[in-house]
Amino acid sequence: MLEIHIEETAGYTVCRPVGELDAYTVAQFREALATVASTPRLLIDLSEVPFMDSAGLGALIGGIRRAREADGEVTVACSRPTLTRLLHTTGFDRIVPVTETVEEAARALLDSPRELG
């Protein structure tokens, strides 16, 4: 089972999936990312995701692509070593900043030199 929490904060939107991101739950995650794709600054917090397979990774990349097409900035927070290793191994961290904490991800978003509008 997957729960997805979306929070609006001062300056950015947080999308926080809680549970496994796999072939069974990926549609729900994809829908949530589509909902927040038009926000100017998006922080995806994977700290409560114990497992992610290729379907989850694909949905994550697709969500980031949609956000960027809408001229948005995206960062990912991930404190789980196995997921962080997956994101580094697949080169995902070359697409968007991947930080260990939500605070670091928020700082990267808010310090982004990119003009949003």
Protein backbone atom coordinates (compact mmCIF):
# COMPACT_ATOMS: atom_id res chain seq x y z
CA MET A 1 0.00 0.00 0.00
CA LEU A 2 1.18 3.50 -0.85
CA GLU A 3 0.16 6.80 0.69
CA ILE A 4 1.14 10.08 -0.90
CA HIS A 5 1.26 13.29 1.08
CA ILE A 6 1.40 16.61 -0.71
CA GLU A 7 2.21 19.72 1.30
CA GLU A 8 2.47 23.34 0.28
CA THR A 9 5.20 25.21 2.14
CA ALA A 10 6.59 28.71 1.83
CA GLY A 11 8.31 28.61 -1.52
CA TYR A 12 7.87 25.00 -2.66
CA THR A 13 5.62 21.93 -2.80
CA VAL A 14 6.55 18.62 -1.14
CA CYS A 15 5.45 15.28 -2.59
CA ARG A 16 6.09 12.54 -0.02
CA PRO A 17 5.25 8.95 -0.98
CA VAL A 18 5.03 6.57 1.98
CA GLY A 19 5.39 2.90 1.07
CA GLU A 20 6.87 0.86 -1.75
CA LEU A 21 7.09 2.30 -5.26
CA ASP A 22 6.66 -0.66 -7.57
CA ALA A 23 4.54 -1.94 -10.45
CA TYR A 24 1.52 -2.21 -8.14
CA THR A 25 1.63 1.34 -6.78
CA VAL A 26 3.30 3.28 -9.58
CA ALA A 27 0.05 4.51 -11.17
CA GLN A 28 -0.90 6.29 -7.95
CA PHE A 29 2.56 7.89 -7.72
CA ARG A 30 2.44 8.93 -11.38
CA GLU A 31 -0.95 10.61 -10.83
CA ALA A 32 0.32 12.49 -7.77
CA LEU A 33 3.36 13.75 -9.68
CA ALA A 34 1.14 14.87 -12.56
CA THR A 35 -0.96 16.85 -10.07
CA VAL A 36 2.06 18.80 -8.78
CA ALA A 37 4.00 19.03 -12.06
CA SER A 38 2.92 22.63 -12.65
CA THR A 39 4.31 23.92 -9.35
CA PRO A 40 7.39 26.16 -9.78
CA ARG A 41 9.45 24.31 -7.15
CA LEU A 42 8.91 20.65 -6.29
CA LEU A 43 10.66 18.63 -3.59
CA ILE A 44 10.16 14.87 -3.79
CA ASP A 45 10.88 13.25 -0.42
CA LEU A 46 11.67 9.53 -0.74
CA SER A 47 12.65 9.10 2.92
CA GLU A 48 9.60 6.90 3.63
CA VAL A 49 10.05 4.67 0.58
CA PRO A 50 11.67 1.37 1.63
CA PHE A 51 11.74 -0.06 -1.91
CA MET A 52 11.59 1.27 -5.47
CA ASP A 53 11.79 -0.81 -8.63
CA SER A 54 12.28 0.25 -12.24
CA ALA A 55 8.60 1.18 -12.59
CA GLY A 56 8.91 3.58 -9.65
CA LEU A 57 12.12 5.04 -11.06
CA GLY A 58 10.42 5.50 -14.44
CA ALA A 59 7.49 7.32 -12.83
CA LEU A 60 9.91 9.53 -10.91
CA ILE A 61 11.79 10.45 -14.09
CA GLY A 62 8.50 11.08 -15.93
CA GLY A 63 7.28 13.37 -13.15
CA ILE A 64 10.51 15.34 -13.23
CA ARG A 65 10.27 15.66 -17.00
CA ARG A 66 6.71 17.05 -16.72
CA ALA A 67 7.79 19.52 -14.03
CA ARG A 68 10.70 20.72 -16.13
CA GLU A 69 8.48 21.07 -19.20
CA ALA A 70 6.39 23.45 -17.05
CA ASP A 71 9.64 25.36 -16.26
CA GLY A 72 9.77 24.02 -12.72
CA GLU A 73 12.70 23.09 -10.50
CA VAL A 74 12.88 19.70 -8.78
CA THR A 75 15.01 18.23 -6.01
CA VAL A 76 14.88 14.82 -4.34
CA ALA A 77 15.49 14.07 -0.67
CA CYS A 78 16.42 10.48 0.15
CA SER A 79 17.90 9.27 3.43
CA ARG A 80 17.74 5.56 2.60
CA PRO A 81 21.15 4.21 1.53
CA THR A 82 19.72 1.53 -0.80
CA LEU A 83 17.59 4.05 -2.70
CA THR A 84 20.36 6.63 -2.75
CA ARG A 85 22.67 3.99 -4.24
CA LEU A 86 20.03 3.20 -6.90
CA LEU A 87 19.69 6.89 -7.77
CA HIS A 88 23.47 7.31 -8.05
CA THR A 89 24.02 4.05 -9.96
CA THR A 90 21.39 4.90 -12.56
CA GLY A 91 22.76 8.43 -13.01
CA PHE A 92 19.57 9.95 -11.67
CA ASP A 93 21.57 12.34 -9.51
CA ARG A 94 22.92 13.93 -12.71
CA ILE A 95 19.35 14.87 -13.69
CA VAL A 96 18.30 16.52 -10.42
CA PRO A 97 19.96 17.26 -7.09
CA VAL A 98 19.64 14.33 -4.66
CA THR A 99 20.23 15.23 -1.02
CA GLU A 100 20.07 13.26 2.20
CA THR A 101 17.65 15.56 4.03
CA VAL A 102 14.53 17.54 3.19
CA GLU A 103 16.25 20.65 4.54
CA GLU A 104 19.16 20.26 2.10
CA ALA A 105 16.77 19.63 -0.79
CA ALA A 106 14.72 22.70 0.14
CA ARG A 107 17.87 24.81 0.32
CA ALA A 108 18.92 23.57 -3.14
CA LEU A 109 15.49 24.50 -4.51
CA LEU A 110 15.35 27.93 -2.92
CA ASP A 111 18.96 28.76 -3.81
CA SER A 112 18.45 27.76 -7.44
CA PRO A 113 19.65 30.56 -9.72
CA ARG A 114 17.09 29.59 -12.36
CA GLU A 115 14.41 32.18 -13.06
CA LEU A 116 10.95 30.77 -12.51
CA GLY A 117 7.80 32.28 -13.85
